[in-house]
Amino acid sequence: MLEAFALSDKGCVRSNNEDYCLIDAERGLFVLADGMGGARAGEQASRMAVETVAETVRAAGTSDSQVLIRATEEANRRVLDAAHNDPSLEGMGTTLVAALDLGDELAITSVGDSRAYVMDGDGLHVITEDQTWVNEVGRPLGLDEESLRNHPMRHVLTMAIGASAPLSINHYRLPMETGGLVLICSDGLHGVLEAPELERILSPARGGGSLEGCCQLLIDAAKHAGGPDNVTAVLIRKNR
């Protein structure tokens, strides 16, 4: 049985929150998006993408990884269409991470740089791969981590929902053991807190502590570190 909790905050700098997340406990569906675009287009893109994934998965009537991939593709189509039909939404897009319970494992899709982590007996590990200039261009070029942290291209995505068709989707199958803990988060969290700090905060939840309390601690830590962006955390734990 999976238990989940989510929390989102606009952070300390932004005037609005372009992150959007959803937990559908009945379907075992967990989705997070981090929108981008002028005015409030980012908010519309993230909400549209998340709600499209949920609608598509619910309509499918079955749970498998291909359903999640198709739902992610449909989210991209709808965001592209909305931007095409409304000039005020031109250029909008969003990252997306979606996870679907398949029983003994989670199917995960990701687009952009929002992330999924798993914490098990060996510690915290990132599951998803960022679709960013830093990860796909900078590191292969051999740039050191300090240079990458300060590079003018460090925030550039190489893929996003609403950016192009066809869409490049990363997808994964993650075995879920009893006590296993999954964190899905926007870069407002993983971009300001290093992995050791995330692991320290998550440790009580791995041991059975409150997911709500842990989410609040994650948000508080990101804001204490400056909160330069919207910050969202979704925690998923397998209890038995």
C-alpha atoms as a PDB file:
ATOM      1  CA  MET A   1       0.000   0.000   0.000  1.00  0.00           C
ATOM      2  CA  LEU A   2       1.315   3.420  -0.983  1.00  0.00           C
ATOM      3  CA  GLU A   3       0.981   6.492   1.221  1.00  0.00           C
ATOM      4  CA  ALA A   4       1.643   9.935  -0.240  1.00  0.00           C
ATOM      5  CA  PHE A   5       1.677  13.623   0.622  1.00  0.00           C
ATOM      6  CA  ALA A   6       2.488  16.757  -1.401  1.00  0.00           C
ATOM      7  CA  LEU A   7       3.284  20.354  -0.536  1.00  0.00           C
ATOM      8  CA  SER A   8       3.998  23.374  -2.728  1.00  0.00           C
ATOM      9  CA  ASP A   9       5.155  26.921  -1.959  1.00  0.00           C
ATOM     10  CA  LYS A  10       5.896  29.960  -4.133  1.00  0.00           C
ATOM     11  CA  GLY A  11       9.239  30.448  -2.365  1.00  0.00           C
ATOM     12  CA  CYS A  12      10.810  33.715  -1.253  1.00  0.00           C
ATOM     13  CA  VAL A  13      11.268  35.555  -4.560  1.00  0.00           C
ATOM     14  CA  ARG A  14       8.528  34.678  -7.054  1.00  0.00           C
ATOM     15  CA  SER A  15       5.166  36.464  -6.883  1.00  0.00           C
ATOM     16  CA  ASN A  16       3.188  33.442  -8.084  1.00  0.00           C
ATOM     17  CA  ASN A  17       3.489  29.676  -8.024  1.00  0.00           C
ATOM     18  CA  GLU A  18       3.896  28.000 -11.441  1.00  0.00           C
ATOM     19  CA  ASP A  19       4.378  24.534  -9.903  1.00  0.00           C
ATOM     20  CA  TYR A  20       1.389  22.195  -9.855  1.00  0.00           C
ATOM     21  CA  CYS A  21       1.024  18.693  -8.447  1.00  0.00           C
ATOM     22  CA  LEU A  22      -1.589  15.996  -8.013  1.00  0.00           C
ATOM     23  CA  ILE A  23      -2.049  12.834  -5.976  1.00  0.00           C
ATOM     24  CA  ASP A  24      -4.709  10.352  -7.083  1.00  0.00           C
ATOM     25  CA  ALA A  25      -4.523   7.711  -4.367  1.00  0.00           C
ATOM     26  CA  GLU A  26      -7.206   5.537  -5.943  1.00  0.00           C
ATOM     27  CA  ARG A  27      -5.279   5.227  -9.224  1.00  0.00           C
ATOM     28  CA  GLY A  28      -1.864   5.277  -7.589  1.00  0.00           C
ATOM     29  CA  LEU A  29      -0.953   8.291  -9.722  1.00  0.00           C
ATOM     30  CA  PHE A  30       1.427  11.066  -8.679  1.00  0.00           C
ATOM     31  CA  VAL A  31       2.237  13.994 -10.975  1.00  0.00           C
ATOM     32  CA  LEU A  32       4.304  17.184 -10.669  1.00  0.00           C
ATOM     33  CA  ALA A  33       4.935  19.977 -13.175  1.00  0.00           C
ATOM     34  CA  ASP A  34       7.004  23.175 -13.065  1.00  0.00           C
ATOM     35  CA  GLY A  35       5.635  25.678 -15.570  1.00  0.00           C
ATOM     36  CA  MET A  36       7.332  28.425 -17.533  1.00  0.00           C
ATOM     37  CA  GLY A  37       6.122  31.256 -19.759  1.00  0.00           C
ATOM     38  CA  GLY A  38       5.170  34.913 -19.707  1.00  0.00           C
ATOM     39  CA  ALA A  39       2.423  36.404 -17.537  1.00  0.00           C
ATOM     40  CA  ARG A  40       0.612  33.427 -15.978  1.00  0.00           C
ATOM     41  CA  ALA A  41       1.157  31.064 -18.911  1.00  0.00           C
ATOM     42  CA  GLY A  42       3.473  28.879 -16.822  1.00  0.00           C
ATOM     43  CA  GLU A  43       0.690  28.283 -14.317  1.00  0.00           C
ATOM     44  CA  GLN A  44      -1.670  27.275 -17.105  1.00  0.00           C
ATOM     45  CA  ALA A  45       0.891  24.967 -18.718  1.00  0.00           C
ATOM     46  CA  SER A  46       1.682  23.084 -15.509  1.00  0.00           C
ATOM     47  CA  ARG A  47      -1.965  22.697 -14.501  1.00  0.00           C
ATOM     48  CA  MET A  48      -2.989  21.622 -18.007  1.00  0.00           C
ATOM     49  CA  ALA A  49      -0.195  19.060 -18.238  1.00  0.00           C
ATOM     50  CA  VAL A  50      -0.905  17.503 -14.841  1.00  0.00           C
ATOM     51  CA  GLU A  51      -4.662  17.384 -15.333  1.00  0.00           C
ATOM     52  CA  THR A  52      -4.251  15.911 -18.834  1.00  0.00           C
ATOM     53  CA  VAL A  53      -2.049  13.116 -17.519  1.00  0.00           C
ATOM     54  CA  ALA A  54      -4.590  12.351 -14.794  1.00  0.00           C
ATOM     55  CA  GLU A  55      -7.529  12.425 -17.217  1.00  0.00           C
ATOM     56  CA  THR A  56      -5.767  10.175 -19.728  1.00  0.00           C
ATOM     57  CA  VAL A  57      -4.681   7.616 -17.134  1.00  0.00           C
ATOM     58  CA  ARG A  58      -8.171   7.478 -15.614  1.00  0.00           C
ATOM     59  CA  ALA A  59      -9.788   7.038 -19.028  1.00  0.00           C
ATOM     60  CA  ALA A  60      -7.428   4.187 -19.945  1.00  0.00           C
ATOM     61  CA  GLY A  61      -8.867   1.901 -17.283  1.00  0.00           C
ATOM     62  CA  THR A  62      -5.592  -0.031 -16.997  1.00  0.00           C
ATOM     63  CA  SER A  63      -2.282   0.670 -15.302  1.00  0.00           C
ATOM     64  CA  ASP A  64       0.917   0.102 -17.251  1.00  0.00           C
ATOM     65  CA  SER A  65       3.949   2.082 -18.337  1.00  0.00           C
ATOM     66  CA  GLN A  66       2.639   2.596 -21.874  1.00  0.00           C
ATOM     67  CA  VAL A  67      -0.470   4.311 -20.509  1.00  0.00           C
ATOM     68  CA  LEU A  68       1.756   6.770 -18.644  1.00  0.00           C
ATOM     69  CA  ILE A  69       3.848   7.443 -21.744  1.00  0.00           C
ATOM     70  CA  ARG A  70       0.733   8.079 -23.826  1.00  0.00           C
ATOM     71  CA  ALA A  71      -0.624  10.382 -21.119  1.00  0.00           C
ATOM     72  CA  THR A  72       2.619  12.385 -21.173  1.00  0.00           C
ATOM     73  CA  GLU A  73       2.440  12.650 -24.965  1.00  0.00           C
ATOM     74  CA  GLU A  74      -1.169  13.840 -24.732  1.00  0.00           C
ATOM     75  CA  ALA A  75      -0.170  16.501 -22.202  1.00  0.00           C
ATOM     76  CA  ASN A  76       2.407  17.780 -24.682  1.00  0.00           C
ATOM     77  CA  ARG A  77      -0.159  17.874 -27.498  1.00  0.00           C
ATOM     78  CA  ARG A  78      -2.680  19.850 -25.460  1.00  0.00           C
ATOM     79  CA  VAL A  79      -0.152  22.409 -24.218  1.00  0.00           C
ATOM     80  CA  LEU A  80       1.146  22.906 -27.769  1.00  0.00           C
ATOM     81  CA  ASP A  81      -2.405  23.316 -29.097  1.00  0.00           C
ATOM     82  CA  ALA A  82      -3.344  25.794 -26.381  1.00  0.00           C
ATOM     83  CA  ALA A  83      -0.298  27.958 -27.107  1.00  0.00           C
ATOM     84  CA  HIS A  84      -0.986  27.791 -30.854  1.00  0.00           C
ATOM     85  CA  ASN A  85      -4.606  28.884 -30.415  1.00  0.00           C
ATOM     86  CA  ASP A  86      -3.990  31.702 -27.917  1.00  0.00           C
ATOM     87  CA  PRO A  87      -1.212  34.254 -28.673  1.00  0.00           C
ATOM     88  CA  SER A  88      -1.067  35.227 -24.993  1.00  0.00           C
ATOM     89  CA  LEU A  89       0.123  31.704 -24.180  1.00  0.00           C
ATOM     90  CA  GLU A  90       2.847  31.571 -26.845  1.00  0.00           C
ATOM     91  CA  GLY A  91       6.072  30.102 -25.474  1.00  0.00           C
ATOM     92  CA  MET A  92       4.487  28.425 -22.479  1.00  0.00           C
ATOM     93  CA  GLY A  93       5.773  25.059 -21.368  1.00  0.00           C
ATOM     94  CA  THR A  94       6.407  22.923 -18.336  1.00  0.00           C
ATOM     95  CA  THR A  95       8.525  20.152 -16.918  1.00  0.00           C
ATOM     96  CA  LEU A  96       6.709  16.995 -15.880  1.00  0.00           C
ATOM     97  CA  VAL A  97       7.328  13.962 -13.696  1.00  0.00           C
ATOM     98  CA  ALA A  98       4.598  11.343 -13.391  1.00  0.00           C
ATOM     99  CA  ALA A  99       4.621   8.099 -11.415  1.00  0.00           C
ATOM    100  CA  LEU A 100       2.056   5.292 -11.625  1.00  0.00           C
ATOM    101  CA  ASP A 101       1.722   2.414  -9.158  1.00  0.00           C
ATOM    102  CA  LEU A 102       2.035  -0.956 -10.906  1.00  0.00           C
ATOM    103  CA  GLY A 103       1.995  -3.034  -7.731  1.00  0.00           C
ATOM    104  CA  ASP A 104       5.577  -3.985  -6.947  1.00  0.00           C
ATOM    105  CA  GLU A 105       7.044  -1.110  -8.939  1.00  0.00           C
ATOM    106  CA  LEU A 106       6.434   2.437 -10.094  1.00  0.00           C
ATOM    107  CA  ALA A 107       6.355   3.433 -13.749  1.00  0.00           C
ATOM    108  CA  ILE A 108       7.876   6.915 -14.092  1.00  0.00           C
ATOM    109  CA  THR A 109       8.001   9.372 -16.971  1.00  0.00           C
ATOM    110  CA  SER A 110       9.960  12.619 -16.935  1.00  0.00           C
ATOM    111  CA  VAL A 111      10.423  15.620 -19.208  1.00  0.00           C
ATOM    112  CA  GLY A 112      12.690  18.532 -18.288  1.00  0.00           C
ATOM    113  CA  ASP A 113      14.545  18.936 -14.995  1.00  0.00           C
ATOM    114  CA  SER A 114      12.040  18.111 -12.268  1.00  0.00           C
ATOM    115  CA  ARG A 115      13.293  14.961 -10.569  1.00  0.00           C
ATOM    116  CA  ALA A 116      12.382  11.682  -8.915  1.00  0.00           C
ATOM    117  CA  TYR A 117      14.599  10.247  -6.169  1.00  0.00           C
ATOM    118  CA  VAL A 118      14.383   6.992  -4.262  1.00  0.00           C
ATOM    119  CA  MET A 119      15.631   6.472  -0.722  1.00  0.00           C
ATOM    120  CA  ASP A 120      16.312   2.918   0.391  1.00  0.00           C
ATOM    121  CA  GLY A 121      18.696   1.135   2.714  1.00  0.00           C
ATOM    122  CA  ASP A 122      21.647   2.334   0.640  1.00  0.00           C
ATOM    123  CA  GLY A 123      20.701   6.007   0.840  1.00  0.00           C
ATOM    124  CA  LEU A 124      19.265   8.549  -1.600  1.00  0.00           C
ATOM    125  CA  HIS A 125      19.580   8.085  -5.360  1.00  0.00           C
ATOM    126  CA  VAL A 126      18.286  10.207  -8.226  1.00  0.00           C
ATOM    127  CA  ILE A 127      16.241   8.146 -10.697  1.00  0.00           C
ATOM    128  CA  THR A 128      15.497  10.611 -13.477  1.00  0.00           C
ATOM    129  CA  GLU A 129      17.958  12.285 -15.843  1.00  0.00           C
ATOM    130  CA  ASP A 130      17.733  16.051 -16.296  1.00  0.00           C
ATOM    131  CA  GLN A 131      17.002  17.161 -19.846  1.00  0.00           C
ATOM    132  CA  THR A 132      19.158  20.269 -19.572  1.00  0.00           C
ATOM    133  CA  TRP A 133      22.103  21.928 -21.306  1.00  0.00           C
ATOM    134  CA  VAL A 134      24.223  21.220 -18.226  1.00  0.00           C
ATOM    135  CA  ASN A 135      23.519  17.486 -18.221  1.00  0.00           C
ATOM    136  CA  GLU A 136      23.429  16.822 -21.959  1.00  0.00           C
ATOM    137  CA  VAL A 137      26.050  19.290 -23.239  1.00  0.00           C
ATOM    138  CA  GLY A 138      28.122  20.792 -20.420  1.00  0.00           C
ATOM    139  CA  ARG A 139      29.094  17.578 -18.624  1.00  0.00           C
ATOM    140  CA  PRO A 140      29.902  15.656 -21.848  1.00  0.00           C
ATOM    141  CA  LEU A 141      32.180  18.561 -22.786  1.00  0.00           C
ATOM    142  CA  GLY A 142      34.094  17.929 -19.545  1.00  0.00           C
ATOM    143  CA  LEU A 143      33.193  21.155 -17.713  1.00  0.00           C
ATOM    144  CA  ASP A 144      33.753  20.853 -13.971  1.00  0.00           C
ATOM    145  CA  GLU A 145      30.858  21.154 -11.528  1.00  0.00           C
ATOM    146  CA  GLU A 146      31.877  24.608 -10.303  1.00  0.00           C
ATOM    147  CA  SER A 147      31.873  25.946 -13.873  1.00  0.00           C
ATOM    148  CA  LEU A 148      28.506  24.320 -14.528  1.00  0.00           C
ATOM    149  CA  ARG A 149      26.967  25.874 -11.410  1.00  0.00           C
ATOM    150  CA  ASN A 150      27.850  29.345 -12.712  1.00  0.00           C
ATOM    151  CA  HIS A 151      27.460  28.816 -16.464  1.00  0.00           C
ATOM    152  CA  PRO A 152      25.045  31.195 -18.275  1.00  0.00           C
ATOM    153  CA  MET A 153      23.332  28.148 -19.835  1.00  0.00           C
ATOM    154  CA  ARG A 154      22.815  26.382 -16.498  1.00  0.00           C
ATOM    155  CA  HIS A 155      19.022  26.946 -16.458  1.00  0.00           C
ATOM    156  CA  VAL A 156      18.384  26.019 -20.100  1.00  0.00           C
ATOM    157  CA  LEU A 157      16.157  22.985 -20.722  1.00  0.00           C
ATOM    158  CA  THR A 158      16.698  20.790 -23.760  1.00  0.00           C
ATOM    159  CA  MET A 159      13.152  19.414 -23.576  1.00  0.00           C
ATOM    160  CA  ALA A 160       9.838  20.487 -22.042  1.00  0.00           C
ATOM    161  CA  ILE A 161       6.137  19.761 -22.363  1.00  0.00           C
ATOM    162  CA  GLY A 162       4.874  22.252 -24.953  1.00  0.00           C
ATOM    163  CA  ALA A 163       8.283  22.839 -26.548  1.00  0.00           C
ATOM    164  CA  SER A 164       8.174  20.450 -29.494  1.00  0.00           C
ATOM    165  CA  ALA A 165       6.541  17.497 -31.198  1.00  0.00           C
ATOM    166  CA  PRO A 166       7.535  14.732 -31.196  1.00  0.00           C
ATOM    167  CA  LEU A 167       8.507  14.755 -27.551  1.00  0.00           C
ATOM    168  CA  SER A 168      11.523  13.037 -26.007  1.00  0.00           C
ATOM    169  CA  ILE A 169      10.290  11.285 -22.851  1.00  0.00           C
ATOM    170  CA  ASN A 170      12.543   9.575 -20.328  1.00  0.00           C
ATOM    171  CA  HIS A 171      10.838   6.591 -18.706  1.00  0.00           C
ATOM    172  CA  TYR A 172      11.783   4.222 -15.916  1.00  0.00           C
ATOM    173  CA  ARG A 173      10.537   1.227 -13.908  1.00  0.00           C
ATOM    174  CA  LEU A 174      11.364   1.492 -10.200  1.00  0.00           C
ATOM    175  CA  PRO A 175      10.953  -1.556  -7.908  1.00  0.00           C
ATOM    176  CA  MET A 176       9.199  -0.578  -4.677  1.00  0.00           C
ATOM    177  CA  GLU A 177      10.064  -2.505  -1.527  1.00  0.00           C
ATOM    178  CA  THR A 178       8.323  -2.116   1.826  1.00  0.00           C
ATOM    179  CA  GLY A 179       9.715   1.005   3.480  1.00  0.00           C
ATOM    180  CA  GLY A 180      10.846   2.445   0.165  1.00  0.00           C
ATOM    181  CA  LEU A 181      10.492   6.232  -0.150  1.00  0.00           C
ATOM    182  CA  VAL A 182      10.216   8.237  -3.376  1.00  0.00           C
ATOM    183  CA  LEU A 183      10.626  11.998  -3.632  1.00  0.00           C
ATOM    184  CA  ILE A 184       9.358  13.873  -6.694  1.00  0.00           C
ATOM    185  CA  CYS A 185      10.355  17.533  -6.697  1.00  0.00           C
ATOM    186  CA  SER A 186      10.799  20.676  -8.764  1.00  0.00           C
ATOM    187  CA  ASP A 187      14.185  22.346  -9.170  1.00  0.00           C
ATOM    188  CA  GLY A 188      13.167  24.860  -6.534  1.00  0.00           C
ATOM    189  CA  LEU A 189      14.094  22.067  -4.125  1.00  0.00           C
ATOM    190  CA  HIS A 190      16.882  20.050  -5.720  1.00  0.00           C
ATOM    191  CA  GLY A 191      18.440  23.197  -7.188  1.00  0.00           C
ATOM    192  CA  VAL A 192      19.107  24.712  -3.767  1.00  0.00           C
ATOM    193  CA  LEU A 193      19.586  21.697  -1.467  1.00  0.00           C
ATOM    194  CA  GLU A 194      22.431  19.246  -2.030  1.00  0.00           C
ATOM    195  CA  ALA A 195      21.741  15.505  -1.918  1.00  0.00           C
ATOM    196  CA  PRO A 196      23.202  15.000   1.611  1.00  0.00           C
ATOM    197  CA  GLU A 197      20.807  17.623   2.996  1.00  0.00           C
ATOM    198  CA  LEU A 198      17.852  16.047   1.197  1.00  0.00           C
ATOM    199  CA  GLU A 199      18.845  12.655   2.595  1.00  0.00           C
ATOM    200  CA  ARG A 200      19.119  14.025   6.129  1.00  0.00           C
ATOM    201  CA  ILE A 201      15.635  15.541   5.981  1.00  0.00           C
ATOM    202  CA  LEU A 202      14.120  12.441   4.393  1.00  0.00           C
ATOM    203  CA  SER A 203      15.591   9.966   6.879  1.00  0.00           C
ATOM    204  CA  PRO A 204      12.744  10.181   9.437  1.00  0.00           C
ATOM    205  CA  ALA A 205      10.148   9.507   6.715  1.00  0.00           C
ATOM    206  CA  ARG A 206      12.151   6.487   5.566  1.00  0.00           C
ATOM    207  CA  GLY A 207      11.830   5.223   9.134  1.00  0.00           C
ATOM    208  CA  GLY A 208       8.058   5.674   9.226  1.00  0.00           C
ATOM    209  CA  GLY A 209       7.817   9.325  10.248  1.00  0.00           C
ATOM    210  CA  SER A 210       5.211  11.803   9.042  1.00  0.00           C
ATOM    211  CA  LEU A 211       5.268  12.482   5.290  1.00  0.00           C
ATOM    212  CA  GLU A 212       3.490  15.789   5.883  1.00  0.00           C
ATOM    213  CA  GLY A 213       6.089  16.863   8.415  1.00  0.00           C
ATOM    214  CA  CYS A 214       8.900  15.838   6.120  1.00  0.00           C
ATOM    215  CA  CYS A 215       7.437  17.793   3.187  1.00  0.00           C
ATOM    216  CA  GLN A 216       7.201  20.870   5.384  1.00  0.00           C
ATOM    217  CA  LEU A 217      10.822  20.495   6.458  1.00  0.00           C
ATOM    218  CA  LEU A 218      11.899  20.250   2.808  1.00  0.00           C
ATOM    219  CA  ILE A 219      10.003  23.424   1.907  1.00  0.00           C
ATOM    220  CA  ASP A 220      11.352  25.259   4.953  1.00  0.00           C
ATOM    221  CA  ALA A 221      14.927  24.255   4.140  1.00  0.00           C
ATOM    222  CA  ALA A 222      14.604  25.459   0.543  1.00  0.00           C
ATOM    223  CA  LYS A 223      13.240  28.793   1.734  1.00  0.00           C
ATOM    224  CA  HIS A 224      15.943  29.090   4.371  1.00  0.00           C
ATOM    225  CA  ALA A 225      18.454  28.665   1.531  1.00  0.00           C
ATOM    226  CA  GLY A 226      16.918  31.674  -0.233  1.00  0.00           C
ATOM    227  CA  GLY A 227      13.861  30.124  -1.898  1.00  0.00           C
ATOM    228  CA  PRO A 228      14.705  31.637  -5.307  1.00  0.00           C
ATOM    229  CA  ASP A 229      12.067  29.572  -7.119  1.00  0.00           C
ATOM    230  CA  ASN A 230       8.752  27.860  -6.508  1.00  0.00           C
ATOM    231  CA  VAL A 231       9.325  24.668  -4.541  1.00  0.00           C
ATOM    232  CA  THR A 232       7.214  21.503  -4.571  1.00  0.00           C
ATOM    233  CA  ALA A 233       7.754  18.097  -2.996  1.00  0.00           C
ATOM    234  CA  VAL A 234       5.715  14.913  -3.390  1.00  0.00           C
ATOM    235  CA  LEU A 235       6.590  12.013  -1.081  1.00  0.00           C
ATOM    236  CA  ILE A 236       5.479   8.425  -1.744  1.00  0.00           C
ATOM    237  CA  ARG A 237       6.088   5.588   0.719  1.00  0.00           C
ATOM    238  CA  LYS A 238       5.314   1.888   0.475  1.00  0.00           C
ATOM    239  CA  ASN A 239       4.112   0.721   3.868  1.00  0.00           C
ATOM    240  CA  ARG A 240       3.406  -2.904   3.090  1.00  0.00           C
END
